[in-house]
Amino acid sequence: MAPPHLLTLRQLTAKGLRPGGQGVQAQVLWRSRRYGAPGVRAAYLYDVRFALPKRTATARQRVALGKANAARRTCPECLRDAGYVLPRHLGTCLDCAEEMAAA
């Protein structure tokens, strides 16, 4: 329903673009009857002519992200990689949390 030069954020991302600092150019509004989110919903549109190519992470940034994600998966109790991000409310892997609850 929108002009072809106006795209949503997901459509820009699919084309390898980002808004590039431009504000929202237009919006599409529709009535939602979805359970839990009734009311009016909006899709924000950006002009593809002002969009810029997506930036890629440097090698150092990728290494830093890998280390940070590994730290989020490592249990402080048993010191093993759980294979998933540890729940913050437990602070340990699920196996260690079960052992602590049983004790």
Protein backbone atom coordinates (compact mmCIF):
# COMPACT_ATOMS: atom_id res chain seq x y z
CA MET A 1 0.00 0.00 0.00
CA ALA A 2 3.01 2.29 0.39
CA PRO A 3 5.04 3.84 -2.44
CA PRO A 4 7.86 1.58 -3.65
CA HIS A 5 10.62 3.84 -2.29
CA LEU A 6 9.33 3.53 1.30
CA LEU A 7 10.34 0.36 3.12
CA THR A 8 10.02 -1.01 6.64
CA LEU A 9 13.10 -1.67 8.76
CA ARG A 10 12.86 -5.41 8.03
CA GLN A 11 12.66 -4.75 4.29
CA LEU A 12 15.73 -2.49 4.49
CA THR A 13 17.60 -5.16 6.44
CA ALA A 14 16.69 -7.80 3.86
CA LYS A 15 18.30 -5.60 1.20
CA GLY A 16 21.44 -5.08 3.30
CA LEU A 17 20.57 -1.47 4.18
CA ARG A 18 20.04 0.59 7.33
CA PRO A 19 18.09 3.85 7.82
CA GLY A 20 21.34 5.82 8.09
CA GLY A 21 20.17 8.44 10.57
CA GLN A 22 17.03 9.45 8.73
CA GLY A 23 13.84 9.76 10.71
CA VAL A 24 10.63 7.94 10.03
CA GLN A 25 9.27 9.17 6.69
CA ALA A 26 5.77 7.69 6.98
CA GLN A 27 3.79 5.09 8.83
CA VAL A 28 1.10 2.58 8.04
CA LEU A 29 -1.56 2.15 10.74
CA TRP A 30 -3.99 -0.73 11.12
CA ARG A 31 -6.41 -2.00 13.72
CA SER A 32 -5.20 -5.08 15.55
CA ARG A 33 -7.43 -7.63 17.19
CA ARG A 34 -4.52 -9.78 18.31
CA TYR A 35 -4.94 -11.11 21.85
CA GLY A 36 -2.81 -9.21 24.33
CA ALA A 37 -2.15 -6.26 22.02
CA PRO A 38 -5.50 -4.82 20.98
CA GLY A 39 -5.69 -1.38 19.42
CA VAL A 40 -3.82 0.33 16.63
CA ARG A 41 -0.51 -1.01 15.34
CA ALA A 42 2.03 0.86 13.25
CA ALA A 43 4.69 0.03 10.69
CA TYR A 44 7.28 2.78 10.28
CA LEU A 45 8.57 3.42 6.78
CA TYR A 46 11.98 4.73 5.70
CA ASP A 47 13.06 6.16 2.36
CA VAL A 48 15.35 3.74 0.53
CA ARG A 49 16.99 6.65 -1.30
CA PHE A 50 18.53 7.91 1.96
CA ALA A 51 19.43 4.47 3.32
CA LEU A 52 23.05 3.44 3.75
CA PRO A 53 24.72 0.03 3.49
CA LYS A 54 24.79 -2.01 6.69
CA ARG A 55 28.06 -1.89 8.57
CA THR A 56 29.95 -5.12 9.16
CA ALA A 57 31.74 -5.98 12.38
CA THR A 58 35.52 -5.93 12.39
CA ALA A 59 37.51 -9.05 13.21
CA ARG A 60 38.29 -7.69 16.69
CA GLN A 61 34.61 -6.97 17.35
CA ARG A 62 33.66 -10.51 16.31
CA VAL A 63 36.31 -11.95 18.65
CA ALA A 64 35.05 -9.77 21.52
CA LEU A 65 31.45 -10.84 20.87
CA GLY A 66 32.50 -14.49 20.84
CA LYS A 67 34.23 -14.11 24.21
CA ALA A 68 31.24 -12.27 25.69
CA ASN A 69 28.81 -14.94 24.49
CA ALA A 70 31.06 -17.70 25.83
CA ALA A 71 31.09 -15.98 29.23
CA ARG A 72 27.28 -15.88 29.23
CA ARG A 73 27.19 -19.65 28.61
CA THR A 74 29.85 -20.68 31.18
CA CYS A 75 28.49 -21.78 34.55
CA PRO A 76 30.36 -20.24 37.51
CA GLU A 77 29.74 -23.35 39.66
CA CYS A 78 30.83 -26.24 37.43
CA LEU A 79 32.89 -24.10 34.99
CA ARG A 80 31.55 -25.84 31.87
CA ASP A 81 29.93 -24.44 28.75
CA ALA A 82 26.22 -25.14 29.21
CA GLY A 83 25.48 -24.73 25.49
CA TYR A 84 22.87 -22.05 26.19
CA VAL A 85 22.80 -18.62 27.80
CA LEU A 86 22.48 -19.07 31.55
CA PRO A 87 19.25 -17.77 33.10
CA ARG A 88 20.03 -14.56 34.96
CA HIS A 89 17.62 -15.34 37.78
CA LEU A 90 19.49 -18.58 38.54
CA GLY A 91 23.04 -17.46 37.78
CA THR A 92 24.07 -21.07 37.12
CA CYS A 93 23.30 -23.81 34.64
CA LEU A 94 20.08 -25.77 35.11
CA ASP A 95 21.90 -28.85 36.42
CA CYS A 96 23.66 -26.86 39.17
CA ALA A 97 20.41 -25.04 40.01
CA GLU A 98 18.63 -28.38 40.45
CA GLU A 99 21.40 -29.67 42.70
CA MET A 100 21.23 -26.53 44.85
CA ALA A 101 17.44 -26.76 45.11
CA ALA A 102 17.64 -30.42 46.15
CA ALA A 103 20.27 -29.70 48.83
